[in-house]
Amino acid sequence: MNVQAGDADVIVVGAGPAGSTAAYYLARSGLDVLMLDKASFPRDKVCGDGLTPRAVRQLVRMGVDTSGPGWIRNKGLRIIGGGMRLHLPWPELTSYPNYGLVRTRLDFDHLLARHAEAAGARLLESTNVTAPLIDERSGTVVGVRAKPVDSRGRASGAPQSYRARLVVAADGTSSRLATALGIHRRDDRPLGVAVRTYYKSPRHDDEWMESWLQLSVPNERGGSDLLPGYGWIFGTGNGTSNVGLGIPNTSRAFGRVDYRDLLRRWVAQTPREWGFTEENQVGGIRSAALPMGFNRQPHYSHGVLLVGDSGGMVNPFNGEGIDYAMEAASLAATMIADALARDTPAIRERVLQQYAAELKREHGGYFTLGRTFLRLIGDPRIMKIATNHGLPRPWLMQFTLKLLANLTDHRDGDVHDRVINTLTRVAPAA
């Protein structure tokens, strides 16, 4: 297809971490890339704002400078639960850095979008993609339909069509593009809820990411049940702390929990000097869905590659999605560049089909383990046993940190690495 003025080799829908990473690598490979995002930057996103070493590795590979103002480096995870307080440093590995980062999504997403632009990608903000543009003869997606919108998301101009040889769908959990192609969210895969707000707090520069395991909800017997998931406190370095909680839908209590009220009740238990009080709250309590464990497949179909939340690429173990979004985006860009260099449609299609296969090879078994883990801790009895008997054993918690954060060396690792890698290999792909 001849690329006309205003068109591109590749259209990337969504300029979050997945979309911006894909656009960056595509532009670096010499392709003409057009990013479309319905918002204008900077814009916020519901998130814990924390980046584990797995995500930090992606930033390092992209050449993002994380040494300047706005980046808060942390040593590891502080776990609170079962009457204990454990400090678990990020593991020393050859595959990943030994530190994590925190940066608000208001800054982080804006920075990555501009980084992609600096590499040569074009960005159209305030452009809401409404549907794929489909070639009637082949059934292949050859672009997208979109409309300009104002700051409230209301149409502010005439609809437009943008054409491209391939489309990357990085358009989030609801993914209009995937839905239009009949690729719907799977109900047999876990879905989580993240709820968070900010507080002005003296803990804003804490050098540990903090996780609280004992979230509970009243039960019909007059007592309380432990919920799967955790509460978090991540210092942002700008005078505030990001305080929130993440809960998967594997608990019987999932549908009857008022998550905003649960957050308020939890922070009310924290020491008053931390500042997590109503008068110190900055902004409202916001929530978002966490699509886990490849809950939308296939990840490639009819000229469209799904990356990030559109493909359900959130880790079921810990609710982390940024690192997997960026990893998938890097892989998608590599596959697209390889495919578009081929001479015939048939061989291009064969190359693109490898994107989904490679994702399953890399993460399928691990995500299957994560789904099993969520089903187990959805039982409050098992959650109680895990909290009361696992936390007193630091060696077990160090293993658990590696497992939950997916941080291992695949070669020359220690016994923990070998056990986790073996479990991942033998588990059926998600």
Protein backbone atom coordinates (compact mmCIF):
# COMPACT_ATOMS: atom_id res chain seq x y z
CA MET A 1 0.00 0.00 0.00
CA ASN A 2 1.31 3.45 -0.86
CA VAL A 3 1.49 5.64 2.20
CA GLN A 4 -0.25 8.95 1.47
CA ALA A 5 0.19 12.28 3.25
CA GLY A 6 -1.19 11.98 6.78
CA ASP A 7 -0.84 8.21 6.76
CA ALA A 8 1.93 6.07 8.24
CA ASP A 9 3.66 2.72 8.10
CA VAL A 10 2.28 1.93 11.56
CA ILE A 11 -0.46 3.53 13.65
CA VAL A 12 -0.18 3.16 17.43
CA VAL A 13 -3.46 3.73 19.26
CA GLY A 14 -2.76 4.94 22.78
CA ALA A 15 0.33 6.74 24.07
CA GLY A 16 0.68 5.17 27.50
CA PRO A 17 3.78 3.11 28.38
CA ALA A 18 2.83 0.36 25.90
CA GLY A 19 2.05 2.67 23.01
CA SER A 20 4.97 5.04 23.54
CA THR A 21 7.44 2.18 23.89
CA ALA A 22 6.18 0.57 20.67
CA ALA A 23 6.32 3.92 18.86
CA TYR A 24 9.84 4.59 20.11
CA TYR A 25 11.25 1.29 18.83
CA LEU A 26 9.31 1.46 15.56
CA ALA A 27 10.60 4.95 14.86
CA ARG A 28 14.15 3.89 15.75
CA SER A 29 13.86 1.14 13.12
CA GLY A 30 13.16 3.76 10.45
CA LEU A 31 9.40 3.34 10.14
CA ASP A 32 6.93 6.21 9.89
CA VAL A 33 4.88 5.98 13.08
CA LEU A 34 1.71 7.85 14.02
CA MET A 35 0.54 7.76 17.67
CA LEU A 36 -3.06 8.70 18.47
CA ASP A 37 -4.26 9.38 22.02
CA LYS A 38 -7.66 10.62 23.14
CA ALA A 39 -6.14 12.71 25.94
CA SER A 40 -3.73 15.62 25.87
CA PHE A 41 -0.51 15.41 27.84
CA PRO A 42 0.24 15.59 30.68
CA ARG A 43 -2.64 13.40 31.82
CA ASP A 44 -3.12 11.19 34.85
CA LYS A 45 -3.68 7.43 35.07
CA VAL A 46 -4.80 5.35 38.06
CA CYS A 47 -1.70 3.43 39.13
CA GLY A 48 0.55 2.81 42.09
CA ASP A 49 3.32 4.74 40.27
CA GLY A 50 5.86 2.08 41.31
CA LEU A 51 8.30 0.45 38.90
CA THR A 52 10.06 -2.79 39.83
CA PRO A 53 13.53 -3.64 38.45
CA ARG A 54 11.82 -5.42 35.54
CA ALA A 55 10.34 -2.13 34.35
CA VAL A 56 13.55 -0.23 35.14
CA ARG A 57 15.38 -2.52 32.71
CA GLN A 58 13.07 -1.37 29.92
CA LEU A 59 13.77 2.29 30.69
CA VAL A 60 17.51 1.63 30.66
CA ARG A 61 17.25 -0.08 27.27
CA MET A 62 15.31 2.88 25.87
CA GLY A 63 17.92 5.34 27.08
CA VAL A 64 15.57 7.12 29.47
CA ASP A 65 17.54 9.18 32.00
CA THR A 66 16.24 8.23 35.45
CA SER A 67 18.88 10.09 37.43
CA GLY A 68 17.26 13.52 37.34
CA PRO A 69 14.56 15.19 39.44
CA GLY A 70 11.22 13.44 39.68
CA TRP A 71 12.63 9.92 39.91
CA ILE A 72 12.62 8.26 43.35
CA ARG A 73 14.88 5.22 43.61
CA ASN A 74 13.99 2.49 46.12
CA LYS A 75 15.87 -0.45 47.64
CA GLY A 76 13.13 -3.05 47.69
CA LEU A 77 9.88 -4.03 49.35
CA ARG A 78 8.82 -3.53 52.96
CA ILE A 79 6.08 -6.01 53.88
CA ILE A 80 3.69 -5.45 56.79
CA GLY A 81 1.51 -8.32 58.00
CA GLY A 82 1.09 -11.01 60.61
CA GLY A 83 2.46 -8.66 63.25
CA MET A 84 5.75 -8.46 61.35
CA ARG A 85 7.67 -5.90 59.31
CA LEU A 86 10.11 -7.33 56.76
CA HIS A 87 12.55 -5.53 54.48
CA LEU A 88 13.23 -7.46 51.27
CA PRO A 89 15.89 -5.86 49.05
CA TRP A 90 15.54 -6.25 45.30
CA PRO A 91 17.67 -9.26 44.33
CA GLU A 92 21.17 -8.92 42.89
CA LEU A 93 20.78 -10.35 39.38
CA THR A 94 22.61 -10.13 36.09
CA SER A 95 19.30 -9.78 34.21
CA TYR A 96 17.83 -6.78 36.06
CA PRO A 97 18.98 -3.69 38.00
CA ASN A 98 18.91 -3.98 41.78
CA TYR A 99 16.66 -0.98 42.33
CA GLY A 100 13.12 0.14 41.63
CA LEU A 101 11.70 3.56 40.85
CA VAL A 102 8.64 5.65 41.57
CA ARG A 103 7.34 8.41 39.31
CA THR A 104 3.77 9.64 39.02
CA ARG A 105 1.97 8.56 35.86
CA LEU A 106 1.19 12.23 35.22
CA ASP A 107 4.92 12.70 34.59
CA PHE A 108 5.88 9.20 33.48
CA ASP A 109 3.49 8.82 30.56
CA HIS A 110 4.22 12.34 29.35
CA LEU A 111 7.96 11.68 29.45
CA LEU A 112 7.67 8.42 27.48
CA ALA A 113 5.43 10.02 24.83
CA ARG A 114 7.95 12.82 24.30
CA HIS A 115 10.75 10.24 24.22
CA ALA A 116 8.96 8.48 21.37
CA GLU A 117 8.50 11.78 19.58
CA ALA A 118 12.21 12.53 19.96
CA ALA A 119 12.92 9.20 18.24
CA GLY A 120 10.81 10.30 15.26
CA ALA A 121 7.25 9.20 16.04
CA ARG A 122 4.39 11.63 15.38
CA LEU A 123 1.81 12.19 18.12
CA LEU A 124 -1.75 13.44 17.67
CA GLU A 125 -3.29 14.24 21.03
CA SER A 126 -7.01 14.76 21.73
CA THR A 127 -7.77 12.21 19.00
CA ASN A 128 -10.25 9.51 19.99
CA VAL A 129 -10.03 6.34 17.89
CA THR A 130 -13.54 4.97 17.43
CA ALA A 131 -13.14 1.97 15.12
CA PRO A 132 -10.75 0.08 12.87
CA LEU A 133 -10.67 0.83 9.15
CA ILE A 134 -11.14 -2.54 7.43
CA ASP A 135 -10.43 -3.47 3.83
CA GLU A 136 -13.64 -5.10 2.59
CA ARG A 137 -11.92 -7.55 0.26
CA SER A 138 -9.26 -8.95 2.60
CA GLY A 139 -10.86 -8.27 6.00
CA THR A 140 -7.54 -6.78 7.10
CA VAL A 141 -7.31 -3.65 9.24
CA VAL A 142 -5.71 -0.90 7.13
CA GLY A 143 -6.08 2.02 9.54
CA VAL A 144 -8.45 3.59 12.04
CA ARG A 145 -11.36 5.99 12.22
CA ALA A 146 -11.04 8.78 14.77
CA LYS A 147 -12.50 12.08 15.85
CA PRO A 148 -10.90 15.07 17.56
CA VAL A 149 -12.16 15.67 21.10
CA ASP A 150 -11.94 18.44 23.68
CA SER A 151 -10.64 18.14 27.24
CA ARG A 152 -13.95 16.57 28.33
CA GLY A 153 -13.87 13.93 25.60
CA ARG A 154 -16.58 15.61 23.52
CA ALA A 155 -16.31 15.68 19.73
CA SER A 156 -14.72 18.93 18.58
CA GLY A 157 -14.27 18.41 14.84
CA ALA A 158 -15.01 16.31 11.82
CA PRO A 159 -14.25 12.55 11.93
CA GLN A 160 -10.99 11.49 10.26
CA SER A 161 -9.55 8.29 8.80
CA TYR A 162 -5.89 7.38 9.11
CA ARG A 163 -4.39 4.57 7.06
CA ALA A 164 -1.38 2.36 7.84
CA ARG A 165 0.10 -0.98 6.92
CA LEU A 166 -0.27 -2.24 10.50
CA VAL A 167 -1.95 -1.07 13.71
CA VAL A 168 -0.81 -1.46 17.32
CA ALA A 169 -3.69 -1.44 19.82
CA ALA A 170 -2.43 0.06 23.07
CA ASP A 171 -5.86 1.46 23.90
CA GLY A 172 -6.31 0.04 27.38
CA THR A 173 -8.59 -2.35 29.19
CA SER A 174 -11.74 -1.68 27.16
CA SER A 175 -9.85 -1.65 23.80
CA ARG A 176 -12.32 -0.53 21.18
CA LEU A 177 -10.12 -1.93 18.45
CA ALA A 178 -9.97 -5.43 19.91
CA THR A 179 -13.69 -5.44 20.67
CA ALA A 180 -14.52 -4.32 17.13
CA LEU A 181 -12.54 -7.29 15.83
CA GLY A 182 -14.46 -9.70 18.06
CA ILE A 183 -11.57 -10.17 20.50
CA HIS A 184 -13.38 -9.96 23.82
CA ARG A 185 -12.18 -10.17 27.41
CA ARG A 186 -12.20 -13.73 28.75
CA ASP A 187 -14.36 -14.22 31.83
CA ASP A 188 -12.27 -17.21 32.97
CA ARG A 189 -9.22 -15.00 33.56
CA PRO A 190 -8.72 -12.89 36.68
CA LEU A 191 -9.56 -9.22 36.83
CA GLY A 192 -8.38 -6.91 39.56
CA VAL A 193 -9.36 -3.50 40.89
CA ALA A 194 -6.84 -0.82 41.85
CA VAL A 195 -7.97 2.06 44.08
CA ARG A 196 -5.67 4.91 45.00
CA THR A 197 -5.28 8.50 46.15
CA TYR A 198 -2.47 10.81 47.27
CA TYR A 199 -1.70 12.28 50.67
CA LYS A 200 0.70 15.01 51.68
CA SER A 201 3.04 13.06 53.93
CA PRO A 202 6.49 13.12 55.55
CA ARG A 203 6.93 9.62 54.07
CA HIS A 204 7.09 11.00 50.54
CA ASP A 205 10.80 10.16 50.19
CA ASP A 206 10.70 6.63 51.68
CA GLU A 207 13.41 4.49 50.08
CA TRP A 208 11.26 1.33 50.32
CA MET A 209 8.04 0.42 48.53
CA GLU A 210 5.63 -0.65 51.27
CA SER A 211 3.03 -3.43 51.03
CA TRP A 212 0.37 -4.28 53.63
CA LEU A 213 -1.06 -7.80 53.41
CA GLN A 214 -3.85 -7.85 55.97
CA LEU A 215 -6.84 -6.27 54.26
CA SER A 216 -10.09 -7.63 55.67
CA VAL A 217 -13.82 -7.42 55.13
CA PRO A 218 -16.66 -8.37 57.54
CA ASN A 219 -18.17 -11.82 56.94
CA GLU A 220 -21.65 -13.24 57.56
CA ARG A 221 -20.45 -14.92 60.79
CA GLY A 222 -19.81 -11.60 62.49
CA GLY A 223 -16.04 -11.83 62.07
CA SER A 224 -13.80 -10.77 59.22
CA ASP A 225 -12.06 -12.48 56.32
CA LEU A 226 -8.66 -11.64 54.90
CA LEU A 227 -8.85 -10.50 51.30
CA PRO A 228 -6.37 -11.43 48.60
CA GLY A 229 -4.33 -8.49 47.39
CA TYR A 230 -2.51 -5.79 49.30
CA GLY A 231 -2.39 -2.15 50.25
CA TRP A 232 0.54 -0.03 49.15
CA ILE A 233 2.35 3.11 50.22
CA PHE A 234 4.78 4.49 47.64
CA GLY A 235 6.54 7.79 48.26
CA THR A 236 6.56 10.00 45.17
CA GLY A 237 9.26 12.41 46.33
CA ASN A 238 7.15 15.51 45.63
CA GLY A 239 5.72 15.86 49.12
CA THR A 240 3.04 13.20 48.64
CA SER A 241 2.65 9.45 48.98
CA ASN A 242 0.63 7.29 46.60
CA VAL A 243 -1.62 5.20 48.85
CA GLY A 244 -3.86 2.51 47.42
CA LEU A 245 -4.89 -1.11 47.28
CA GLY A 246 -5.28 -3.83 44.70
CA ILE A 247 -7.79 -6.68 44.96
CA PRO A 248 -8.40 -9.52 42.46
CA ASN A 249 -11.86 -10.93 41.71
CA THR A 250 -10.99 -14.42 42.97
CA SER A 251 -12.46 -13.76 46.43
CA ARG A 252 -16.12 -14.51 47.17
CA ALA A 253 -16.27 -11.06 48.77
CA PHE A 254 -15.22 -9.29 45.57
CA GLY A 255 -18.68 -8.16 44.50
CA ARG A 256 -19.73 -6.83 47.90
CA VAL A 257 -16.67 -4.79 48.85
CA ASP A 258 -16.82 -1.01 48.82
CA TYR A 259 -13.20 -0.46 47.81
CA ARG A 260 -13.13 3.24 48.53
CA ASP A 261 -14.46 2.60 52.02
CA LEU A 262 -11.94 -0.23 52.46
CA LEU A 263 -9.13 2.17 51.56
CA ARG A 264 -10.39 4.76 54.04
CA ARG A 265 -10.69 2.17 56.82
CA TRP A 266 -7.22 0.82 56.13
CA VAL A 267 -5.43 4.19 56.14
CA ALA A 268 -7.28 5.11 59.34
CA GLN A 269 -5.22 2.40 61.04
CA THR A 270 -1.90 4.02 60.10
CA PRO A 271 -0.06 6.35 62.51
CA ARG A 272 -1.48 9.87 62.39
CA GLU A 273 1.97 11.39 61.96
CA TRP A 274 2.16 9.80 58.51
CA GLY A 275 -0.44 12.33 57.39
CA PHE A 276 -2.96 9.96 55.77
CA THR A 277 -5.91 12.09 56.86
CA GLU A 278 -8.74 13.75 54.99
CA GLU A 279 -7.26 17.23 55.32
CA ASN A 280 -4.00 16.00 53.72
CA GLN A 281 -5.65 14.14 50.84
CA VAL A 282 -4.69 15.46 47.41
CA GLY A 283 -7.37 14.75 44.82
CA GLY A 284 -10.09 12.15 45.04
CA ILE A 285 -10.04 8.38 45.36
CA ARG A 286 -9.91 6.87 41.87
CA SER A 287 -10.14 3.29 40.66
CA ALA A 288 -9.31 1.26 37.57
CA ALA A 289 -9.54 -2.32 36.34
CA LEU A 290 -6.47 -4.57 36.16
CA PRO A 291 -6.80 -7.03 33.24
CA MET A 292 -4.65 -10.00 34.22
CA GLY A 293 -3.09 -13.13 32.79
CA PHE A 294 -3.60 -12.57 29.03
CA ASN A 295 -7.35 -12.17 29.46
CA ARG A 296 -7.81 -11.04 25.86
CA GLN A 297 -6.46 -13.17 22.99
CA PRO A 298 -5.28 -13.60 20.27
CA HIS A 299 -2.68 -10.89 20.55
CA TYR A 300 -2.38 -10.62 16.78
CA SER A 301 -5.25 -10.70 14.31
CA HIS A 302 -6.03 -9.12 10.91
CA GLY A 303 -3.22 -6.58 10.98
CA VAL A 304 -3.62 -5.53 14.63
CA LEU A 305 -1.21 -6.32 17.49
CA LEU A 306 -2.43 -5.96 21.08
CA VAL A 307 -0.01 -4.62 23.69
CA GLY A 308 -0.39 -3.79 27.36
CA ASP A 309 -3.82 -3.67 29.01
CA SER A 310 -5.60 -4.22 25.69
CA GLY A 311 -4.12 -7.74 25.74
CA GLY A 312 -4.59 -8.33 29.49
CA MET A 313 -0.86 -8.19 30.22
CA VAL A 314 -1.01 -7.54 33.98
CA ASN A 315 0.91 -9.90 36.25
CA PRO A 316 -1.64 -11.93 38.30
CA PHE A 317 0.85 -12.28 41.15
CA ASN A 318 1.25 -8.59 41.96
CA GLY A 319 -0.98 -6.49 39.68
CA GLU A 320 1.99 -4.97 37.88
CA GLY A 321 1.46 -4.13 34.23
CA ILE A 322 3.89 -1.46 33.07
CA ASP A 323 6.87 -3.77 32.63
CA TYR A 324 4.93 -6.37 30.64
CA ALA A 325 3.35 -3.64 28.52
CA MET A 326 6.77 -2.25 27.66
CA GLU A 327 8.26 -5.69 27.01
CA ALA A 328 5.39 -6.65 24.70
CA ALA A 329 5.68 -3.29 22.93
CA SER A 330 9.38 -3.85 22.29
CA LEU A 331 8.64 -7.33 20.93
CA ALA A 332 5.78 -6.05 18.77
CA ALA A 333 8.02 -3.37 17.27
CA THR A 334 10.68 -5.95 16.42
CA MET A 335 8.13 -8.26 14.78
CA ILE A 336 6.58 -5.40 12.80
CA ALA A 337 9.94 -4.17 11.52
CA ASP A 338 10.86 -7.72 10.48
CA ALA A 339 7.49 -8.30 8.81
CA LEU A 340 7.43 -5.06 6.84
CA ALA A 341 10.88 -5.85 5.46
CA ARG A 342 9.53 -9.03 3.79
CA ASP A 343 8.49 -9.11 0.14
CA THR A 344 5.17 -10.96 0.17
CA PRO A 345 1.98 -10.73 2.24
CA ALA A 346 2.16 -14.43 3.09
CA ILE A 347 5.59 -14.28 4.69
CA ARG A 348 4.75 -11.00 6.45
CA GLU A 349 1.73 -12.69 8.01
CA ARG A 350 3.83 -15.64 9.16
CA VAL A 351 6.27 -13.29 10.85
CA LEU A 352 3.48 -11.39 12.61
CA GLN A 353 1.88 -14.60 13.86
CA GLN A 354 5.07 -15.19 15.83
CA TYR A 355 4.28 -12.22 18.06
CA ALA A 356 1.53 -14.07 19.93
CA ALA A 357 3.56 -17.29 20.02
CA GLU A 358 6.57 -15.49 21.49
CA LEU A 359 4.46 -13.78 24.16
CA LYS A 360 3.10 -17.15 25.26
CA ARG A 361 6.56 -18.67 25.29
CA GLU A 362 7.94 -15.83 27.42
CA HIS A 363 5.06 -15.25 29.87
CA GLY A 364 2.38 -17.91 29.32
CA GLY A 365 3.54 -20.41 31.92
CA TYR A 366 4.27 -17.72 34.49
CA PHE A 367 0.83 -16.16 34.07
CA THR A 368 -0.75 -19.61 34.47
CA LEU A 369 1.05 -19.97 37.82
CA GLY A 370 -0.24 -16.53 38.75
CA ARG A 371 -3.83 -17.48 38.02
CA THR A 372 -3.46 -20.57 40.21
CA PHE A 373 -1.95 -18.44 42.97
CA LEU A 374 -4.92 -16.05 42.87
CA ARG A 375 -7.43 -18.87 43.09
CA LEU A 376 -5.66 -20.22 46.18
CA ILE A 377 -5.41 -16.95 48.10
CA GLY A 378 -9.02 -16.16 47.18
CA ASP A 379 -9.84 -18.57 50.03
CA PRO A 380 -9.49 -16.49 53.24
CA ARG A 381 -8.28 -19.57 55.14
CA ILE A 382 -5.33 -20.01 52.80
CA MET A 383 -4.64 -16.27 52.84
CA LYS A 384 -4.48 -16.41 56.65
CA ILE A 385 -2.11 -19.38 56.63
CA ALA A 386 0.15 -17.71 54.07
CA THR A 387 0.29 -14.48 56.09
CA ASN A 388 0.78 -16.02 59.52
CA HIS A 389 3.24 -18.77 58.58
CA GLY A 390 5.03 -17.39 55.52
CA LEU A 391 6.12 -14.00 56.85
CA PRO A 392 8.14 -15.38 59.81
CA ARG A 393 10.44 -17.16 57.34
CA PRO A 394 12.63 -14.55 55.59
CA TRP A 395 14.17 -17.10 53.19
CA LEU A 396 10.67 -18.04 52.02
CA MET A 397 9.71 -14.39 51.62
CA GLN A 398 12.82 -13.70 49.53
CA PHE A 399 11.76 -16.57 47.28
CA THR A 400 8.24 -15.16 47.21
CA LEU A 401 9.53 -11.70 46.23
CA LYS A 402 11.35 -13.20 43.24
CA LEU A 403 8.27 -15.21 42.28
CA LEU A 404 5.73 -12.39 42.63
CA ALA A 405 7.91 -9.81 40.85
CA ASN A 406 9.13 -12.31 38.22
CA LEU A 407 12.78 -11.49 38.90
CA THR A 408 15.14 -14.38 38.17
CA ASP A 409 18.29 -15.10 36.23
CA HIS A 410 17.65 -17.75 33.61
CA ARG A 411 21.32 -18.76 33.55
CA ASP A 412 23.60 -19.28 36.52
CA GLY A 413 20.88 -18.31 38.98
CA ASP A 414 20.53 -19.50 42.55
CA VAL A 415 18.25 -22.30 43.76
CA HIS A 416 15.28 -19.92 43.97
CA ASP A 417 15.78 -18.94 40.34
CA ARG A 418 16.02 -22.53 39.20
CA VAL A 419 12.83 -23.54 41.03
CA ILE A 420 10.83 -20.60 39.66
CA ASN A 421 12.16 -21.05 36.13
CA THR A 422 11.33 -24.75 36.20
CA LEU A 423 7.79 -24.10 37.44
CA THR A 424 7.31 -21.55 34.70
CA ARG A 425 8.54 -23.91 31.98
CA VAL A 426 6.35 -26.85 32.99
CA ALA A 427 3.16 -24.83 33.53
CA PRO A 428 0.75 -24.76 30.55
CA ALA A 429 0.91 -21.51 28.61
CA ALA A 430 -1.79 -19.00 29.47
